[in-house]
Amino acid sequence: MGNDKRFVYVLNSQKDPARHYVGLTSDVTTRVAVHNSGGSHHTAREHPWRLLVALEFSNQNSAVLFEQYLKSGSGRAFAKRHFI
């Protein structure tokens, strides 16, 4: 069961504070390091990034559904109210 843990995370660009990124990973520390090294195509131009929140889920399906929600219009509004 330990291998099923997934994290949904929200990053904030230190270069452009208006920019945020939502992602999914099993290793938050390593994933943030990849974003900050320019190793992710989607976030390379806005690095460095600061981790705002990482939420742990016990299974992949729940994490994927929440990540998709945070990327929707109502989910972005939720994230802005609670994390940003």
Protein backbone atom coordinates (compact mmCIF):
# COMPACT_ATOMS: atom_id res chain seq x y z
CA MET A 1 0.00 0.00 0.00
CA GLY A 2 2.92 2.40 0.64
CA ASN A 3 3.73 2.43 -3.08
CA ASP A 4 0.24 3.67 -3.89
CA LYS A 5 0.73 7.03 -2.15
CA ARG A 6 0.49 10.00 -4.48
CA PHE A 7 0.76 13.71 -3.86
CA VAL A 8 -0.98 16.56 -5.61
CA TYR A 9 1.13 19.69 -5.28
CA VAL A 10 0.82 23.38 -6.06
CA LEU A 11 3.88 25.45 -6.94
CA ASN A 12 4.30 29.21 -7.15
CA SER A 13 6.83 30.79 -9.49
CA GLN A 14 9.31 33.04 -7.72
CA LYS A 15 10.15 34.63 -11.06
CA ASP A 16 6.49 35.42 -11.85
CA PRO A 17 4.40 35.25 -8.65
CA ALA A 18 1.16 35.27 -10.66
CA ARG A 19 2.08 31.84 -12.12
CA HIS A 20 1.14 28.59 -10.40
CA TYR A 21 1.53 24.97 -11.39
CA VAL A 22 -0.43 21.92 -10.23
CA GLY A 23 1.15 18.50 -10.51
CA LEU A 24 1.01 14.89 -9.35
CA THR A 25 3.92 12.81 -8.04
CA SER A 26 4.94 10.06 -5.65
CA ASP A 27 8.04 12.02 -4.50
CA VAL A 28 7.45 15.73 -3.86
CA THR A 29 11.04 16.64 -2.98
CA THR A 30 12.49 15.13 -6.14
CA ARG A 31 9.74 16.55 -8.34
CA VAL A 32 10.19 20.10 -7.03
CA ALA A 33 13.93 19.76 -7.63
CA VAL A 34 13.22 18.76 -11.25
CA HIS A 35 11.00 21.82 -11.71
CA ASN A 36 13.66 24.08 -10.18
CA SER A 37 16.46 22.66 -12.33
CA GLY A 38 14.53 23.44 -15.51
CA GLY A 39 14.00 19.73 -16.14
CA SER A 40 10.27 20.04 -16.78
CA HIS A 41 9.27 21.49 -20.15
CA HIS A 42 6.06 23.00 -18.76
CA THR A 43 7.74 24.95 -15.94
CA ALA A 44 11.28 25.62 -17.15
CA ARG A 45 10.74 29.28 -18.08
CA GLU A 46 9.21 30.30 -14.76
CA HIS A 47 11.65 28.65 -12.34
CA PRO A 48 12.59 28.82 -9.52
CA TRP A 49 9.43 27.46 -7.92
CA ARG A 50 8.24 27.44 -4.31
CA LEU A 51 6.08 24.64 -2.97
CA LEU A 52 2.79 26.03 -1.61
CA VAL A 53 1.06 22.78 -0.67
CA ALA A 54 1.38 19.03 -1.13
CA LEU A 55 -1.64 16.86 -0.37
CA GLU A 56 -1.17 13.13 0.13
CA PHE A 57 -3.65 10.61 -1.26
CA SER A 58 -3.72 6.92 -0.46
CA ASN A 59 -4.31 5.92 -4.07
CA GLN A 60 -3.57 7.07 -7.61
CA ASN A 61 -7.19 7.41 -8.70
CA SER A 62 -8.14 9.88 -5.97
CA ALA A 63 -5.02 11.94 -6.62
CA VAL A 64 -5.67 12.09 -10.37
CA LEU A 65 -9.25 13.21 -9.81
CA PHE A 66 -8.18 15.97 -7.40
CA GLU A 67 -5.38 17.14 -9.73
CA GLN A 68 -7.91 17.37 -12.58
CA TYR A 69 -10.26 19.32 -10.31
CA LEU A 70 -7.53 21.82 -9.36
CA LYS A 71 -6.85 22.38 -13.07
CA SER A 72 -10.53 23.20 -13.73
CA GLY A 73 -12.04 26.66 -13.34
CA SER A 74 -13.73 25.93 -10.03
CA GLY A 75 -10.63 24.08 -8.82
CA ARG A 76 -8.40 27.06 -9.61
CA ALA A 77 -10.78 29.25 -7.59
CA PHE A 78 -10.63 26.72 -4.72
CA ALA A 79 -6.81 26.67 -4.83
CA LYS A 80 -6.67 30.47 -4.88
CA ARG A 81 -8.91 30.68 -1.78
CA HIS A 82 -7.14 27.96 0.20
CA PHE A 83 -3.52 27.69 -0.96
CA ILE A 84 -2.49 30.92 -2.65
